[in-house]
PDB file of N, CA and C in Angstrom:
ATOM      1  N   MET A   1       0.870  -1.182   0.478  1.00  0.00           N
ATOM      2  CA  MET A   1      -0.182  -0.178   0.131  1.00  0.00           C
ATOM      3  C   MET A   1       1.169   1.107  -0.130  1.00  0.00           C
ATOM      4  N   GLY A   2       1.355   1.868  -1.200  1.00  0.00           N
ATOM      5  CA  GLY A   2       1.586   3.194  -1.493  1.00  0.00           C
ATOM      6  C   GLY A   2       1.274   3.978  -1.387  1.00  0.00           C
ATOM      7  N   LYS A   3       1.478   5.312  -1.125  1.00  0.00           N
ATOM      8  CA  LYS A   3       0.860   6.477  -1.746  1.00  0.00           C
ATOM      9  C   LYS A   3       0.710   7.023  -3.189  1.00  0.00           C
ATOM     10  N   LEU A   4      -0.620   7.114  -3.663  1.00  0.00           N
ATOM     11  CA  LEU A   4      -1.116   6.979  -4.973  1.00  0.00           C
ATOM     12  C   LEU A   4      -1.095   8.308  -5.471  1.00  0.00           C
ATOM     13  N   HIS A   5      -0.757   8.316  -7.049  1.00  0.00           N
ATOM     14  CA  HIS A   5      -0.773   9.530  -7.735  1.00  0.00           C
ATOM     15  C   HIS A   5      -1.922  10.373  -7.926  1.00  0.00           C
ATOM     16  N   VAL A   6      -2.988   9.854  -7.713  1.00  0.00           N
ATOM     17  CA  VAL A   6      -4.343  11.230  -7.623  1.00  0.00           C
ATOM     18  C   VAL A   6      -4.759  11.156  -5.943  1.00  0.00           C
ATOM     19  N   LYS A   7      -5.600  12.725  -6.360  1.00  0.00           N
ATOM     20  CA  LYS A   7      -5.982  13.010  -5.327  1.00  0.00           C
ATOM     21  C   LYS A   7      -7.844  13.424  -5.480  1.00  0.00           C
ATOM     22  N   LYS A   8      -8.654  13.515  -4.319  1.00  0.00           N
ATOM     23  CA  LYS A   8      -9.923  13.534  -4.519  1.00  0.00           C
ATOM     24  C   LYS A   8      -9.867  15.154  -5.584  1.00  0.00           C
ATOM     25  N   GLY A   9     -10.876  15.411  -5.978  1.00  0.00           N
ATOM     26  CA  GLY A   9     -10.925  17.006  -7.093  1.00  0.00           C
ATOM     27  C   GLY A   9     -10.077  16.518  -8.525  1.00  0.00           C
ATOM     28  N   ASP A  10      -9.099  15.939  -8.572  1.00  0.00           N
ATOM     29  CA  ASP A  10      -8.316  16.039  -9.828  1.00  0.00           C
ATOM     30  C   ASP A  10      -9.824  15.639 -10.918  1.00  0.00           C
ATOM     31  N   LEU A  11      -8.728  15.829 -11.996  1.00  0.00           N
ATOM     32  CA  LEU A  11      -9.722  15.983 -13.182  1.00  0.00           C
ATOM     33  C   LEU A  11      -8.974  14.554 -13.745  1.00  0.00           C
ATOM     34  N   VAL A  12      -9.426  13.515 -14.222  1.00  0.00           N
ATOM     35  CA  VAL A  12      -9.138  11.890 -14.500  1.00  0.00           C
ATOM     36  C   VAL A  12      -9.516  11.250 -15.768  1.00  0.00           C
ATOM     37  N   MET A  13      -8.376  11.174 -16.747  1.00  0.00           N
ATOM     38  CA  MET A  13      -9.250   9.542 -17.199  1.00  0.00           C
ATOM     39  C   MET A  13      -8.979   8.655 -17.451  1.00  0.00           C
ATOM     40  N   VAL A  14      -9.879   7.321 -18.111  1.00  0.00           N
ATOM     41  CA  VAL A  14     -10.410   6.198 -17.914  1.00  0.00           C
ATOM     42  C   VAL A  14      -9.115   5.262 -18.747  1.00  0.00           C
ATOM     43  N   ILE A  15      -8.386   4.760 -18.451  1.00  0.00           N
ATOM     44  CA  ILE A  15      -7.591   4.272 -19.568  1.00  0.00           C
ATOM     45  C   ILE A  15      -7.575   2.981 -19.769  1.00  0.00           C
ATOM     46  N   ALA A  16      -8.712   1.977 -19.225  1.00  0.00           N
ATOM     47  CA  ALA A  16      -8.841   0.697 -19.614  1.00  0.00           C
ATOM     48  C   ALA A  16     -10.007   0.050 -18.434  1.00  0.00           C
ATOM     49  N   GLY A  17     -10.790  -0.589 -19.325  1.00  0.00           N
ATOM     50  CA  GLY A  17     -11.824  -1.167 -18.770  1.00  0.00           C
ATOM     51  C   GLY A  17     -13.372  -0.915 -19.913  1.00  0.00           C
ATOM     52  N   LYS A  18     -14.541  -1.006 -18.855  1.00  0.00           N
ATOM     53  CA  LYS A  18     -15.457  -0.671 -20.308  1.00  0.00           C
ATOM     54  C   LYS A  18     -15.700   0.864 -20.512  1.00  0.00           C
ATOM     55  N   ASP A  19     -15.804   1.939 -19.697  1.00  0.00           N
ATOM     56  CA  ASP A  19     -15.435   3.014 -19.689  1.00  0.00           C
ATOM     57  C   ASP A  19     -13.779   3.364 -20.363  1.00  0.00           C
ATOM     58  N   ARG A  20     -13.447   3.062 -20.852  1.00  0.00           N
ATOM     59  CA  ARG A  20     -11.874   3.811 -21.321  1.00  0.00           C
ATOM     60  C   ARG A  20     -12.274   4.726 -22.460  1.00  0.00           C
ATOM     61  N   GLY A  21     -11.319   5.987 -22.552  1.00  0.00           N
ATOM     62  CA  GLY A  21     -11.256   7.238 -22.620  1.00  0.00           C
ATOM     63  C   GLY A  21     -12.602   8.305 -22.197  1.00  0.00           C
ATOM     64  N   LYS A  22     -13.112   7.838 -21.450  1.00  0.00           N
ATOM     65  CA  LYS A  22     -13.881   8.681 -20.765  1.00  0.00           C
ATOM     66  C   LYS A  22     -13.435   9.931 -19.345  1.00  0.00           C
ATOM     67  N   SER A  23     -13.927  10.800 -19.048  1.00  0.00           N
ATOM     68  CA  SER A  23     -12.752  11.591 -18.203  1.00  0.00           C
ATOM     69  C   SER A  23     -13.993  11.624 -16.978  1.00  0.00           C
ATOM     70  N   GLY A  24     -13.638  12.319 -15.817  1.00  0.00           N
ATOM     71  CA  GLY A  24     -14.190  12.767 -15.058  1.00  0.00           C
ATOM     72  C   GLY A  24     -13.690  13.083 -13.435  1.00  0.00           C
ATOM     73  N   ARG A  25     -14.430  14.023 -12.864  1.00  0.00           N
ATOM     74  CA  ARG A  25     -13.166  14.198 -11.418  1.00  0.00           C
ATOM     75  C   ARG A  25     -13.620  12.887 -10.368  1.00  0.00           C
ATOM     76  N   ILE A  26     -12.649  13.295  -9.677  1.00  0.00           N
ATOM     77  CA  ILE A  26     -12.418  12.455  -8.330  1.00  0.00           C
ATOM     78  C   ILE A  26     -13.124  12.976  -7.039  1.00  0.00           C
ATOM     79  N   ILE A  27     -14.483  11.464  -7.582  1.00  0.00           N
ATOM     80  CA  ILE A  27     -14.998  12.497  -5.756  1.00  0.00           C
ATOM     81  C   ILE A  27     -14.484  11.472  -4.600  1.00  0.00           C
ATOM     82  N   ARG A  28     -14.107  10.353  -4.459  1.00  0.00           N
ATOM     83  CA  ARG A  28     -13.578   9.796  -3.210  1.00  0.00           C
ATOM     84  C   ARG A  28     -12.448   8.977  -3.661  1.00  0.00           C
ATOM     85  N   VAL A  29     -11.724   8.799  -2.558  1.00  0.00           N
ATOM     86  CA  VAL A  29     -10.606   7.464  -3.163  1.00  0.00           C
ATOM     87  C   VAL A  29     -10.227   7.102  -1.685  1.00  0.00           C
ATOM     88  N   ILE A  30     -10.102   5.651  -1.919  1.00  0.00           N
ATOM     89  CA  ILE A  30      -9.958   4.356  -0.780  1.00  0.00           C
ATOM     90  C   ILE A  30      -8.400   4.423  -1.115  1.00  0.00           C
ATOM     91  N   PRO A  31      -7.434   4.375   0.028  1.00  0.00           N
ATOM     92  CA  PRO A  31      -6.516   4.333  -0.651  1.00  0.00           C
ATOM     93  C   PRO A  31      -5.758   2.895   0.265  1.00  0.00           C
ATOM     94  N   LYS A  32      -6.729   2.479   0.951  1.00  0.00           N
ATOM     95  CA  LYS A  32      -6.708   1.034   1.389  1.00  0.00           C
ATOM     96  C   LYS A  32      -6.944  -0.202   1.012  1.00  0.00           C
ATOM     97  N   GLU A  33      -7.758  -0.110  -0.317  1.00  0.00           N
ATOM     98  CA  GLU A  33      -8.412  -0.536  -1.432  1.00  0.00           C
ATOM     99  C   GLU A  33      -7.287  -0.027  -2.831  1.00  0.00           C
ATOM    100  N   GLU A  34      -6.731   0.782  -2.597  1.00  0.00           N
ATOM    101  CA  GLU A  34      -6.461   1.490  -3.772  1.00  0.00           C
ATOM    102  C   GLU A  34      -7.386   1.488  -5.269  1.00  0.00           C
ATOM    103  N   ARG A  35      -8.099   2.424  -5.033  1.00  0.00           N
ATOM    104  CA  ARG A  35      -9.278   2.146  -5.604  1.00  0.00           C
ATOM    105  C   ARG A  35      -9.950   3.828  -5.820  1.00  0.00           C
ATOM    106  N   VAL A  36     -10.691   3.983  -6.572  1.00  0.00           N
ATOM    107  CA  VAL A  36     -10.820   5.900  -6.745  1.00  0.00           C
ATOM    108  C   VAL A  36     -12.565   5.424  -6.797  1.00  0.00           C
ATOM    109  N   VAL A  37     -13.405   6.462  -6.377  1.00  0.00           N
ATOM    110  CA  VAL A  37     -15.205   6.898  -7.703  1.00  0.00           C
ATOM    111  C   VAL A  37     -15.211   7.748  -8.371  1.00  0.00           C
ATOM    112  N   VAL A  38     -14.789   8.063  -9.350  1.00  0.00           N
ATOM    113  CA  VAL A  38     -15.242   9.134 -10.581  1.00  0.00           C
ATOM    114  C   VAL A  38     -16.802   8.970 -11.118  1.00  0.00           C
ATOM    115  N   GLU A  39     -16.702  10.359 -10.853  1.00  0.00           N
ATOM    116  CA  GLU A  39     -18.403  10.870 -11.002  1.00  0.00           C
ATOM    117  C   GLU A  39     -18.323  10.610 -12.534  1.00  0.00           C
ATOM    118  N   ARG A  40     -19.805   9.748 -12.410  1.00  0.00           N
ATOM    119  CA  ARG A  40     -20.524   9.339 -13.777  1.00  0.00           C
ATOM    120  C   ARG A  40     -19.644   8.060 -14.838  1.00  0.00           C
ATOM    121  N   ILE A  41     -18.703   7.579 -13.614  1.00  0.00           N
ATOM    122  CA  ILE A  41     -17.853   6.138 -14.908  1.00  0.00           C
ATOM    123  C   ILE A  41     -18.152   4.913 -13.739  1.00  0.00           C
ATOM    124  N   ASN A  42     -18.495   4.259 -14.651  1.00  0.00           N
ATOM    125  CA  ASN A  42     -18.424   2.706 -13.755  1.00  0.00           C
ATOM    126  C   ASN A  42     -19.570   2.831 -12.988  1.00  0.00           C
ATOM    127  N   LEU A  43     -20.392   3.123 -13.958  1.00  0.00           N
ATOM    128  CA  LEU A  43     -22.313   3.180 -13.001  1.00  0.00           C
ATOM    129  C   LEU A  43     -22.884   1.379 -13.260  1.00  0.00           C
ATOM    130  N   VAL A  44     -23.335   1.257 -11.581  1.00  0.00           N
ATOM    131  CA  VAL A  44     -23.621   0.162 -11.551  1.00  0.00           C
ATOM    132  C   VAL A  44     -25.408   0.055 -11.337  1.00  0.00           C
ATOM    133  N   LYS A  45     -26.122  -0.611 -11.792  1.00  0.00           N
ATOM    134  CA  LYS A  45     -27.475  -0.685 -10.744  1.00  0.00           C
ATOM    135  C   LYS A  45     -27.609  -1.275  -9.347  1.00  0.00           C
ATOM    136  N   LYS A  46     -28.372  -0.675  -8.704  1.00  0.00           N
ATOM    137  CA  LYS A  46     -28.383  -1.081  -6.964  1.00  0.00           C
ATOM    138  C   LYS A  46     -29.907  -0.913  -6.732  1.00  0.00           C
ATOM    139  N   HIS A  47     -29.858  -1.867  -5.958  1.00  0.00           N
ATOM    140  CA  HIS A  47     -31.457  -2.175  -5.942  1.00  0.00           C
ATOM    141  C   HIS A  47     -31.580  -1.373  -4.630  1.00  0.00           C
ATOM    142  N   LEU A  48     -32.503  -0.898  -3.872  1.00  0.00           N
ATOM    143  CA  LEU A  48     -33.053  -0.148  -2.872  1.00  0.00           C
ATOM    144  C   LEU A  48     -34.109  -0.287  -2.420  1.00  0.00           C
ATOM    145  N   ARG A  49     -34.028  -1.152  -1.281  1.00  0.00           N
ATOM    146  CA  ARG A  49     -35.203  -1.538  -0.213  1.00  0.00           C
ATOM    147  C   ARG A  49     -36.010   0.231   0.367  1.00  0.00           C
ATOM    148  N   ALA A  50     -36.998  -0.012  -0.013  1.00  0.00           N
ATOM    149  CA  ALA A  50     -37.950   1.220   0.546  1.00  0.00           C
ATOM    150  C   ALA A  50     -38.094   1.420   2.082  1.00  0.00           C
ATOM    151  N   SER A  51     -37.533   2.773   2.794  1.00  0.00           N
ATOM    152  CA  SER A  51     -37.337   2.729   4.288  1.00  0.00           C
ATOM    153  C   SER A  51     -37.538   4.524   4.681  1.00  0.00           C
ATOM    154  N   PRO A  52     -37.333   4.626   5.844  1.00  0.00           N
ATOM    155  CA  PRO A  52     -38.387   6.006   6.355  1.00  0.00           C
ATOM    156  C   PRO A  52     -37.540   7.121   5.826  1.00  0.00           C
ATOM    157  N   THR A  53     -35.954   6.452   5.673  1.00  0.00           N
ATOM    158  CA  THR A  53     -34.872   7.404   5.439  1.00  0.00           C
ATOM    159  C   THR A  53     -34.858   8.119   3.446  1.00  0.00           C
ATOM    160  N   THR A  54     -34.792   6.867   2.943  1.00  0.00           N
ATOM    161  CA  THR A  54     -35.205   6.880   1.721  1.00  0.00           C
ATOM    162  C   THR A  54     -36.031   7.257   0.737  1.00  0.00           C
ATOM    163  N   GLY A  55     -37.141   7.025   1.234  1.00  0.00           N
ATOM    164  CA  GLY A  55     -38.425   6.868   0.839  1.00  0.00           C
ATOM    165  C   GLY A  55     -38.581   5.375  -0.103  1.00  0.00           C
ATOM    166  N   GLN A  56     -39.364   6.130  -0.914  1.00  0.00           N
ATOM    167  CA  GLN A  56     -39.909   4.790  -1.744  1.00  0.00           C
ATOM    168  C   GLN A  56     -38.566   4.238  -2.271  1.00  0.00           C
ATOM    169  N   GLY A  57     -38.154   2.894  -2.722  1.00  0.00           N
ATOM    170  CA  GLY A  57     -37.061   1.933  -3.055  1.00  0.00           C
ATOM    171  C   GLY A  57     -37.299   1.673  -4.533  1.00  0.00           C
ATOM    172  N   GLY A  58     -36.199   1.561  -5.249  1.00  0.00           N
ATOM    173  CA  GLY A  58     -35.912   1.082  -6.462  1.00  0.00           C
ATOM    174  C   GLY A  58     -35.159   0.529  -6.763  1.00  0.00           C
ATOM    175  N   ILE A  59     -34.297   1.098  -7.958  1.00  0.00           N
ATOM    176  CA  ILE A  59     -33.231   0.604  -8.971  1.00  0.00           C
ATOM    177  C   ILE A  59     -32.539   2.345  -9.315  1.00  0.00           C
ATOM    178  N   VAL A  60     -31.372   2.073  -9.059  1.00  0.00           N
ATOM    179  CA  VAL A  60     -30.859   3.683  -8.963  1.00  0.00           C
ATOM    180  C   VAL A  60     -29.298   3.612  -9.857  1.00  0.00           C
ATOM    181  N   GLU A  61     -28.666   4.225 -10.196  1.00  0.00           N
ATOM    182  CA  GLU A  61     -27.598   4.092 -10.661  1.00  0.00           C
ATOM    183  C   GLU A  61     -26.525   4.654  -9.837  1.00  0.00           C
ATOM    184  N   VAL A  62     -25.930   3.897  -9.212  1.00  0.00           N
ATOM    185  CA  VAL A  62     -24.361   4.680  -8.299  1.00  0.00           C
ATOM    186  C   VAL A  62     -23.139   4.581  -8.674  1.00  0.00           C
ATOM    187  N   GLU A  63     -21.971   5.227  -8.656  1.00  0.00           N
ATOM    188  CA  GLU A  63     -20.842   4.840  -9.239  1.00  0.00           C
ATOM    189  C   GLU A  63     -19.950   4.304  -8.427  1.00  0.00           C
ATOM    190  N   ALA A  64     -19.398   2.785  -8.576  1.00  0.00           N
ATOM    191  CA  ALA A  64     -18.681   1.953  -8.062  1.00  0.00           C
ATOM    192  C   ALA A  64     -17.452   2.469  -8.575  1.00  0.00           C
ATOM    193  N   PRO A  65     -16.257   1.973  -7.593  1.00  0.00           N
ATOM    194  CA  PRO A  65     -15.212   2.415  -7.048  1.00  0.00           C
ATOM    195  C   PRO A  65     -13.988   1.548  -8.400  1.00  0.00           C
ATOM    196  N   ILE A  66     -13.352   2.070  -8.988  1.00  0.00           N
ATOM    197  CA  ILE A  66     -12.089   1.315 -10.411  1.00  0.00           C
ATOM    198  C   ILE A  66     -10.700   1.593  -9.270  1.00  0.00           C
ATOM    199  N   HIS A  67     -10.539   0.609  -9.838  1.00  0.00           N
ATOM    200  CA  HIS A  67      -8.827   0.856  -9.652  1.00  0.00           C
ATOM    201  C   HIS A  67      -7.680   1.749 -10.223  1.00  0.00           C
ATOM    202  N   VAL A  68      -6.977   2.812  -8.822  1.00  0.00           N
ATOM    203  CA  VAL A  68      -6.337   3.424  -9.470  1.00  0.00           C
ATOM    204  C   VAL A  68      -5.730   3.043 -10.443  1.00  0.00           C
ATOM    205  N   SER A  69      -4.955   2.474 -11.016  1.00  0.00           N
ATOM    206  CA  SER A  69      -4.257   1.748 -11.917  1.00  0.00           C
ATOM    207  C   SER A  69      -4.753   1.984 -13.003  1.00  0.00           C
ATOM    208  N   ASN A  70      -6.372   2.449 -13.031  1.00  0.00           N
ATOM    209  CA  ASN A  70      -7.106   1.933 -14.701  1.00  0.00           C
ATOM    210  C   ASN A  70      -7.635   3.878 -14.971  1.00  0.00           C
ATOM    211  N   VAL A  71      -6.645   4.653 -14.052  1.00  0.00           N
ATOM    212  CA  VAL A  71      -6.775   6.071 -14.441  1.00  0.00           C
ATOM    213  C   VAL A  71      -5.775   7.025 -14.493  1.00  0.00           C
ATOM    214  N   MET A  72      -5.873   7.853 -15.231  1.00  0.00           N
ATOM    215  CA  MET A  72      -4.611   9.117 -15.672  1.00  0.00           C
ATOM    216  C   MET A  72      -4.654  10.041 -15.468  1.00  0.00           C
ATOM    217  N   PRO A  73      -4.024  11.356 -14.348  1.00  0.00           N
ATOM    218  CA  PRO A  73      -4.520  12.060 -13.999  1.00  0.00           C
ATOM    219  C   PRO A  73      -4.488  13.309 -15.360  1.00  0.00           C
ATOM    220  N   ILE A  74      -5.608  14.119 -16.014  1.00  0.00           N
ATOM    221  CA  ILE A  74      -5.465  15.118 -16.653  1.00  0.00           C
ATOM    222  C   ILE A  74      -4.990  15.808 -16.413  1.00  0.00           C
ATOM    223  N   CYS A  75      -3.659  16.214 -17.843  1.00  0.00           N
ATOM    224  CA  CYS A  75      -2.451  17.708 -17.243  1.00  0.00           C
ATOM    225  C   CYS A  75      -3.392  19.492 -17.369  1.00  0.00           C
ATOM    226  N   PRO A  76      -3.746  20.016 -16.653  1.00  0.00           N
ATOM    227  CA  PRO A  76      -4.583  20.950 -16.644  1.00  0.00           C
ATOM    228  C   PRO A  76      -4.135  22.518 -17.804  1.00  0.00           C
ATOM    229  N   SER A  77      -2.505  21.913 -17.548  1.00  0.00           N
ATOM    230  CA  SER A  77      -1.585  22.575 -18.806  1.00  0.00           C
ATOM    231  C   SER A  77      -2.324  22.425 -20.268  1.00  0.00           C
ATOM    232  N   CYS A  78      -1.381  21.287 -20.484  1.00  0.00           N
ATOM    233  CA  CYS A  78      -1.482  21.086 -22.189  1.00  0.00           C
ATOM    234  C   CYS A  78      -2.934  19.822 -21.874  1.00  0.00           C
ATOM    235  N   ASN A  79      -3.890  19.282 -21.622  1.00  0.00           N
ATOM    236  CA  ASN A  79      -5.117  19.123 -21.635  1.00  0.00           C
ATOM    237  C   ASN A  79      -5.013  17.527 -21.874  1.00  0.00           C
ATOM    238  N   ARG A  80      -4.140  16.770 -21.529  1.00  0.00           N
ATOM    239  CA  ARG A  80      -3.387  15.326 -21.929  1.00  0.00           C
ATOM    240  C   ARG A  80      -3.582  14.629 -20.740  1.00  0.00           C
ATOM    241  N   PRO A  81      -3.436  13.321 -20.737  1.00  0.00           N
ATOM    242  CA  PRO A  81      -4.040  12.320 -19.984  1.00  0.00           C
ATOM    243  C   PRO A  81      -2.084  12.050 -20.056  1.00  0.00           C
ATOM    244  N   THR A  82      -1.711  12.514 -18.493  1.00  0.00           N
ATOM    245  CA  THR A  82      -0.488  11.975 -18.246  1.00  0.00           C
ATOM    246  C   THR A  82       0.384  11.122 -17.034  1.00  0.00           C
ATOM    247  N   ARG A  83       1.723  10.757 -17.247  1.00  0.00           N
ATOM    248  CA  ARG A  83       2.264   9.999 -15.727  1.00  0.00           C
ATOM    249  C   ARG A  83       2.367  11.349 -14.889  1.00  0.00           C
ATOM    250  N   VAL A  84       2.503  10.815 -13.557  1.00  0.00           N
ATOM    251  CA  VAL A  84       2.968  11.972 -12.490  1.00  0.00           C
ATOM    252  C   VAL A  84       4.242  11.860 -11.997  1.00  0.00           C
ATOM    253  N   GLY A  85       5.005  12.977 -12.243  1.00  0.00           N
ATOM    254  CA  GLY A  85       6.503  12.918 -11.015  1.00  0.00           C
ATOM    255  C   GLY A  85       5.871  13.688  -9.900  1.00  0.00           C
ATOM    256  N   LYS A  86       7.342  13.826  -8.925  1.00  0.00           N
ATOM    257  CA  LYS A  86       6.916  14.560  -7.747  1.00  0.00           C
ATOM    258  C   LYS A  86       7.989  15.182  -7.646  1.00  0.00           C
ATOM    259  N   LYS A  87       8.070  16.526  -7.329  1.00  0.00           N
ATOM    260  CA  LYS A  87       9.217  17.601  -7.626  1.00  0.00           C
ATOM    261  C   LYS A  87       9.581  18.859  -6.730  1.00  0.00           C
ATOM    262  N   ILE A  88      10.181  19.209  -6.195  1.00  0.00           N
ATOM    263  CA  ILE A  88      10.298  19.614  -4.507  1.00  0.00           C
ATOM    264  C   ILE A  88      10.728  21.334  -4.933  1.00  0.00           C
ATOM    265  N   LEU A  89      10.027  22.328  -4.302  1.00  0.00           N
ATOM    266  CA  LEU A  89      10.006  23.754  -5.126  1.00  0.00           C
ATOM    267  C   LEU A  89      10.998  24.230  -4.225  1.00  0.00           C
ATOM    268  N   GLU A  90      11.247  25.885  -4.352  1.00  0.00           N
ATOM    269  CA  GLU A  90      12.184  26.786  -3.590  1.00  0.00           C
ATOM    270  C   GLU A  90      11.816  26.387  -2.483  1.00  0.00           C
ATOM    271  N   ASP A  91      10.626  26.662  -1.910  1.00  0.00           N
ATOM    272  CA  ASP A  91      10.513  26.733  -0.483  1.00  0.00           C
ATOM    273  C   ASP A  91       9.925  26.020  -0.385  1.00  0.00           C
ATOM    274  N   GLY A  92      10.419  24.402  -0.801  1.00  0.00           N
ATOM    275  CA  GLY A  92      10.012  23.344   0.337  1.00  0.00           C
ATOM    276  C   GLY A  92       8.393  22.351   0.043  1.00  0.00           C
ATOM    277  N   THR A  93       7.905  23.152  -0.430  1.00  0.00           N
ATOM    278  CA  THR A  93       6.988  22.339  -0.655  1.00  0.00           C
ATOM    279  C   THR A  93       7.013  20.809  -1.773  1.00  0.00           C
ATOM    280  N   LYS A  94       6.369  20.710  -1.607  1.00  0.00           N
ATOM    281  CA  LYS A  94       6.760  19.273  -3.065  1.00  0.00           C
ATOM    282  C   LYS A  94       5.133  19.121  -3.981  1.00  0.00           C
ATOM    283  N   VAL A  95       5.104  19.003  -4.858  1.00  0.00           N
ATOM    284  CA  VAL A  95       4.200  19.121  -5.933  1.00  0.00           C
ATOM    285  C   VAL A  95       4.967  18.120  -6.888  1.00  0.00           C
ATOM    286  N   ARG A  96       3.313  17.277  -7.566  1.00  0.00           N
ATOM    287  CA  ARG A  96       3.048  16.443  -8.257  1.00  0.00           C
ATOM    288  C   ARG A  96       3.112  17.486  -9.711  1.00  0.00           C
ATOM    289  N   VAL A  97       4.153  17.202 -11.200  1.00  0.00           N
ATOM    290  CA  VAL A  97       3.981  17.784 -12.460  1.00  0.00           C
ATOM    291  C   VAL A  97       4.004  16.909 -13.321  1.00  0.00           C
ATOM    292  N   CYS A  98       3.258  17.076 -14.243  1.00  0.00           N
ATOM    293  CA  CYS A  98       3.601  16.938 -15.659  1.00  0.00           C
ATOM    294  C   CYS A  98       4.887  15.979 -16.173  1.00  0.00           C
ATOM    295  N   LYS A  99       4.454  14.675 -16.646  1.00  0.00           N
ATOM    296  CA  LYS A  99       5.844  14.142 -17.108  1.00  0.00           C
ATOM    297  C   LYS A  99       5.644  14.852 -18.878  1.00  0.00           C
ATOM    298  N   ARG A 100       4.772  15.510 -19.437  1.00  0.00           N
ATOM    299  CA  ARG A 100       4.822  15.608 -20.728  1.00  0.00           C
ATOM    300  C   ARG A 100       5.601  16.919 -20.754  1.00  0.00           C
ATOM    301  N   CYS A 101       5.056  18.158 -20.527  1.00  0.00           N
ATOM    302  CA  CYS A 101       5.329  19.247 -19.929  1.00  0.00           C
ATOM    303  C   CYS A 101       5.903  19.722 -18.843  1.00  0.00           C
ATOM    304  N   GLY A 102       6.137  19.262 -17.990  1.00  0.00           N
ATOM    305  CA  GLY A 102       6.903  19.152 -16.581  1.00  0.00           C
ATOM    306  C   GLY A 102       6.088  20.434 -15.947  1.00  0.00           C
ATOM    307  N   GLU A 103       4.596  21.252 -16.546  1.00  0.00           N
ATOM    308  CA  GLU A 103       3.662  22.014 -15.120  1.00  0.00           C
ATOM    309  C   GLU A 103       3.679  21.471 -14.234  1.00  0.00           C
ATOM    310  N   SER A 104       3.212  22.258 -12.812  1.00  0.00           N
ATOM    311  CA  SER A 104       2.430  21.388 -11.744  1.00  0.00           C
ATOM    312  C   SER A 104       0.979  20.816 -12.096  1.00  0.00           C
ATOM    313  N   ILE A 105       0.730  19.739 -11.291  1.00  0.00           N
ATOM    314  CA  ILE A 105      -0.545  19.303 -11.339  1.00  0.00           C
ATOM    315  C   ILE A 105      -1.612  19.799 -10.518  1.00  0.00           C
ATOM    316  N   ASP A 106      -0.826  20.179  -9.184  1.00  0.00           N
ATOM    317  CA  ASP A 106      -1.337  20.579  -8.431  1.00  0.00           C
ATOM    318  C   ASP A 106      -1.856  22.244  -8.083  1.00  0.00           C
ATOM    319  N   LYS A 107      -3.094  21.828  -7.555  1.00  0.00           N
ATOM    320  CA  LYS A 107      -3.913  23.728  -7.550  1.00  0.00           C
ATOM    321  C   LYS A 107      -2.627  24.851  -7.053  1.00  0.00           C
ATOM    322  N   LYS A 108      -2.308  25.775  -7.222  1.00  0.00           N
ATOM    323  CA  LYS A 108      -1.847  26.688  -6.524  1.00  0.00           C
ATOM    324  C   LYS A 108      -2.415  27.476  -5.991  1.00  0.00           C
TER     325      LYS A 108
END
């Protein structure tokens, strides 16, 4: 279990699986299982039982987690999926950088 190359809120592209080529924002990161939940990606149908809190039951579509190796972050400057490098700035902060263009992926 290592550190992941993506964070919550990152714009990512799916590179493998049924949703290959689609992109979306990361909603949730599950580091223990090395999985991420991406909005409108890997939708599965879930059957809900009626209860006082949910109201009427039925079949709803929810996002299921996908493995972190199946997503690549999209660089904000070159707008293409990229591998991630790490760099320490002059002020001592560590940032993630795009391997294609060298620009920072992290928000400033």
